[in-house]
Protein backbone atom coordinates (compact mmCIF):
# COMPACT_ATOMS: atom_id res chain seq x y z
CA UNK A 1 1.14 48.26 17.95
CA UNK A 2 2.85 51.03 19.93
CA UNK A 3 6.62 50.55 20.16
CA UNK A 4 7.74 53.96 21.44
CA UNK A 5 6.25 56.75 23.50
CA UNK A 6 4.15 58.79 21.04
CA UNK A 7 5.95 62.08 20.23
CA UNK A 8 2.79 64.05 21.05
CA UNK A 9 3.14 63.03 24.70
CA UNK A 10 6.70 64.35 24.99
CA UNK A 11 5.68 67.99 25.48
CA UNK A 12 8.81 69.39 27.17
CA UNK A 13 12.36 70.09 25.96
CA UNK A 14 15.38 69.33 28.15
CA UNK A 15 19.16 69.31 27.70
CA UNK A 16 21.29 66.36 28.84
CA UNK A 17 25.03 66.41 29.56
CA UNK A 18 25.96 62.68 29.83
CA UNK A 19 28.19 61.82 32.78
CA UNK A 20 31.65 60.65 31.66
CA UNK A 21 33.27 59.87 35.04
CA UNK A 22 35.48 61.63 37.55
CA UNK A 23 38.55 63.59 36.54
CA UNK A 24 41.25 65.51 38.37
CA UNK A 25 38.87 68.45 38.83
CA UNK A 26 35.65 66.58 39.63
CA UNK A 27 32.83 65.24 37.49
CA UNK A 28 33.39 65.18 33.73
CA UNK A 29 30.59 65.38 31.15
CA UNK A 30 30.38 64.68 27.42
CA UNK A 31 28.95 67.22 24.97
CA UNK A 32 25.44 68.38 25.79
CA UNK A 33 22.49 66.93 23.92
CA UNK A 34 20.17 69.93 23.48
CA UNK A 35 16.45 70.00 22.76
CA UNK A 36 15.61 66.44 23.91
CA UNK A 37 11.86 65.76 23.74
CA UNK A 38 10.59 64.58 27.14
CA UNK A 39 7.70 64.51 29.56
CA UNK A 40 8.74 66.04 32.91
CA UNK A 41 6.90 65.34 36.16
CA UNK A 42 8.18 67.64 38.92
CA UNK A 43 6.64 65.80 41.86
CA UNK A 44 8.78 64.50 44.71
CA UNK A 45 9.15 60.75 45.29
CA UNK A 46 11.56 58.45 47.10
CA UNK A 47 14.05 56.45 44.98
CA UNK A 48 17.02 54.22 45.73
CA UNK A 49 20.29 55.61 44.38
CA UNK A 50 22.89 53.30 42.75
CA UNK A 51 24.90 53.29 46.00
CA UNK A 52 21.89 51.93 47.93
CA UNK A 53 20.81 55.02 49.85
CA UNK A 54 17.25 56.33 49.67
CA UNK A 55 16.98 59.86 48.29
CA UNK A 56 14.14 62.18 47.31
CA UNK A 57 13.83 62.66 43.56
CA UNK A 58 12.44 66.10 42.71
CA UNK A 59 11.62 65.31 39.07
CA UNK A 60 11.02 62.35 36.79
CA UNK A 61 11.77 62.55 33.08
CA UNK A 62 10.25 60.21 30.47
CA UNK A 63 12.03 60.25 27.08
CA UNK A 64 12.50 58.14 23.97
CA UNK A 65 14.22 54.78 24.42
CA UNK A 66 17.98 54.88 23.98
CA UNK A 67 18.48 58.25 25.67
CA UNK A 68 22.20 58.62 26.56
CA UNK A 69 21.83 59.63 30.22
CA UNK A 70 23.81 57.53 32.72
CA UNK A 71 23.36 58.21 36.45
CA UNK A 72 25.28 61.35 37.39
CA UNK A 73 24.39 63.18 34.16
CA UNK A 74 23.39 66.84 34.33
CA UNK A 75 19.91 67.67 33.08
CA UNK A 76 18.53 71.13 32.39
CA UNK A 77 14.76 71.05 32.93
CA UNK A 78 12.29 73.23 30.98
CA UNK A 79 12.21 75.88 33.73
CA UNK A 80 16.02 76.24 33.55
CA UNK A 81 16.75 74.31 36.75
CA UNK A 82 19.84 72.10 36.50
CA UNK A 83 19.59 68.74 38.23
CA UNK A 84 21.45 65.42 38.36
CA UNK A 85 20.22 62.02 37.19
CA UNK A 86 19.93 59.63 40.16
CA UNK A 87 18.54 56.52 38.49
CA UNK A 88 17.87 55.55 34.87
CA UNK A 89 15.45 52.80 33.80
CA UNK A 90 15.03 51.60 30.23
CA UNK A 91 11.49 50.20 29.89
CA UNK A 92 10.86 47.72 27.09
CA UNK A 93 8.13 45.15 26.55
CA UNK A 94 8.79 43.37 23.24
CA UNK A 95 5.60 42.03 21.71
CA UNK A 96 3.30 43.87 24.11
CA UNK A 97 1.29 46.99 23.20
CA UNK A 98 3.24 49.07 25.73
CA UNK A 99 5.52 51.91 24.64
CA UNK A 100 9.27 51.62 25.25
CA UNK A 101 10.83 54.59 27.02
CA UNK A 102 13.65 55.78 29.25
CA UNK A 103 12.72 56.96 32.76
CA UNK A 104 15.18 59.20 34.65
CA UNK A 105 14.72 60.14 38.31
CA UNK A 106 16.42 63.46 39.07
CA UNK A 107 17.85 64.95 42.23
């Protein structure tokens, strides 16, 4: 039974700087997590941001379950473009033959 996304499908490498909140000088981030295996889809789609507004996501990232990437995190995509995580979904299906993963919609 498949419990995680097979590593062979995660063909890209990204870097994630997890969002840590707002500070006196703006957004604060924790230490970067380099070389994260992921599958990146750079097609545009409409998503609902945590504040309720509809925004266009320019990329979707699929990664291993448990990825530390709260909304607001900075992500460096394989082409070097730096984007921000809009929404994060942790997909699990215990007992079903469906792989668990983390899906991140990026600005």
